[in-house]
Protein backbone atom coordinates (compact mmCIF):
# COMPACT_ATOMS: atom_id res chain seq x y z
CA MET A 1 0.00 0.00 0.00
CA ARG A 2 2.81 2.46 0.83
CA LEU A 3 4.40 1.96 -2.58
CA LYS A 4 1.07 2.66 -4.29
CA ILE A 5 0.70 5.94 -2.38
CA TRP A 6 4.23 7.16 -3.11
CA ASN A 7 3.90 6.20 -6.77
CA SER A 8 0.84 8.45 -7.00
CA VAL A 9 2.35 11.64 -5.52
CA ILE A 10 4.46 14.35 -7.12
CA PHE A 11 6.30 16.99 -5.13
CA PHE A 12 7.14 20.21 -6.93
CA ASN A 13 8.90 23.32 -5.66
CA TYR A 14 7.04 26.10 -7.40
CA LEU A 15 9.74 28.76 -7.23
CA GLN A 16 12.65 27.76 -9.41
CA VAL A 17 15.23 29.64 -7.32
CA ALA A 18 16.61 29.00 -3.84
CA MET A 19 15.61 31.34 -1.04
CA GLY A 20 18.29 32.83 1.19
CA GLY A 21 16.72 31.66 4.46
CA PRO A 22 13.56 30.56 6.25
CA ARG A 23 10.32 32.51 5.79
CA GLU A 24 11.81 34.46 2.89
CA ALA A 25 9.36 35.36 0.14
CA GLY A 26 10.11 35.21 -3.54
CA ALA A 27 9.86 38.30 -5.70
CA ALA A 28 6.82 38.83 -7.93
CA GLU A 29 8.97 38.22 -11.02
CA GLN A 30 10.17 34.88 -9.61
CA TYR A 31 6.57 33.72 -9.14
CA HIS A 32 5.73 34.89 -12.65
CA GLN A 33 8.71 33.06 -14.20
CA ALA A 34 7.89 29.84 -12.32
CA GLY A 35 4.53 29.55 -14.07
CA LYS A 36 6.10 28.10 -17.23
CA ALA A 37 7.70 25.16 -15.36
CA PHE A 38 4.48 24.66 -13.36
CA PHE A 39 2.39 24.26 -16.50
CA GLU A 40 5.00 21.98 -18.09
CA VAL A 41 4.80 19.68 -15.07
CA ILE A 42 1.02 19.54 -14.83
CA GLU A 43 0.67 19.06 -18.59
CA LYS A 44 3.17 16.18 -18.49
CA TYR A 45 1.87 14.38 -15.38
CA GLN A 46 -1.84 15.24 -15.66
CA PRO A 47 -2.59 15.24 -11.90
CA GLU A 48 -6.14 15.06 -10.60
CA TYR A 49 -5.43 17.28 -7.60
CA ILE A 50 -2.90 19.88 -6.52
CA ILE A 51 -2.47 20.82 -2.88
CA VAL A 52 -0.65 24.14 -2.54
CA TRP A 53 1.43 24.46 0.64
CA GLY A 54 1.03 28.06 1.78
CA LYS A 55 -1.28 31.00 1.19
CA ARG A 56 1.56 33.13 -0.20
CA LEU A 57 2.02 30.69 -3.06
CA TRP A 58 -1.76 30.36 -3.49
CA ASN A 59 -1.99 34.12 -3.96
CA ASN A 60 0.81 34.07 -6.55
CA LEU A 61 -0.32 31.18 -8.75
CA PRO A 62 -0.95 31.98 -12.42
CA ASN A 63 -4.42 33.26 -13.31
CA VAL A 64 -4.33 31.84 -16.84
CA ARG A 65 -6.47 28.76 -17.52
CA TRP A 66 -7.85 29.19 -13.98
CA HIS A 67 -11.43 28.68 -12.80
CA ASP A 68 -12.61 29.52 -9.29
CA GLY A 69 -14.20 26.62 -7.43
CA ASP A 70 -16.57 26.31 -4.51
CA ASP A 71 -15.22 26.87 -1.02
CA ILE A 72 -14.84 23.87 1.25
CA VAL A 73 -16.25 24.81 4.66
CA VAL A 74 -14.96 22.86 7.66
CA ASP A 75 -15.64 23.87 11.26
CA GLY A 76 -17.06 27.16 9.98
CA TYR A 77 -13.91 28.18 8.07
CA PRO A 78 -13.99 28.45 4.26
CA VAL A 79 -11.10 27.14 2.16
CA ALA A 80 -10.88 28.37 -1.43
CA THR A 81 -10.57 25.94 -4.32
CA GLY A 82 -10.25 26.21 -8.06
CA SER A 83 -8.98 24.35 -11.07
CA TYR A 84 -6.61 24.64 -13.98
CA LEU A 85 -7.68 23.65 -17.48
CA LEU A 86 -5.09 21.54 -19.28
CA SER A 87 -4.58 21.65 -23.04
CA ASN A 88 -6.49 18.36 -23.46
CA GLY A 89 -9.56 19.76 -21.67
CA LYS A 90 -8.91 18.00 -18.35
CA GLN A 91 -9.46 20.05 -15.20
CA VAL A 92 -7.01 19.75 -12.31
CA LYS A 93 -8.56 20.59 -8.93
CA VAL A 94 -6.49 22.91 -6.72
CA MET A 95 -6.66 23.99 -3.08
CA ALA A 96 -4.27 25.54 -0.57
CA VAL A 97 -3.49 24.59 2.99
CA ASN A 98 -1.62 26.64 5.55
CA HIS A 99 2.08 26.03 5.22
CA PRO A 100 3.07 23.32 7.75
CA SER A 101 5.64 25.65 9.32
CA VAL A 102 2.97 28.17 10.36
CA GLY A 103 -0.40 27.64 12.05
CA TYR A 104 -0.93 24.14 10.76
CA SER A 105 -3.49 21.96 12.54
CA TRP A 106 -3.24 18.37 11.30
CA ASP A 107 -6.72 17.36 12.43
CA TYR A 108 -8.38 20.34 10.74
CA TRP A 109 -6.51 20.04 7.43
CA TYR A 110 -7.09 16.29 7.37
CA LYS A 111 -10.85 16.98 7.27
CA VAL A 112 -10.43 19.64 4.58
CA ILE A 113 -8.24 17.46 2.38
CA GLN A 114 -10.62 14.50 2.76
CA ARG A 115 -13.48 16.66 1.43
CA PHE A 116 -11.31 18.05 -1.36
CA LEU A 117 -10.33 14.59 -2.61
CA ARG A 118 -13.94 13.37 -2.89
């Protein structure tokens, strides 16, 4: 079972440059430039879902081929979702979670992710 899970997951660092230290934000141009590699990866691997780690990244994702989704509401808190349209017409569902290094509650995000993956 573990092998099946790990063979179904892709990890991708969105920014294509190293940061100088912890909690350092990328520049707007770095987020913009990273969009090309992001689309190359999702076009190649055709994921069903993307979980974005951090609201900063969520707010800097490309707006092209993007469609807003319905919020997931858990314990009274809304979580935004959306999707990207791939060149073959497939939609890839996307949501963001708080970055695990800041304000991350495993039990809460477990419930959110479970609803997202349905």
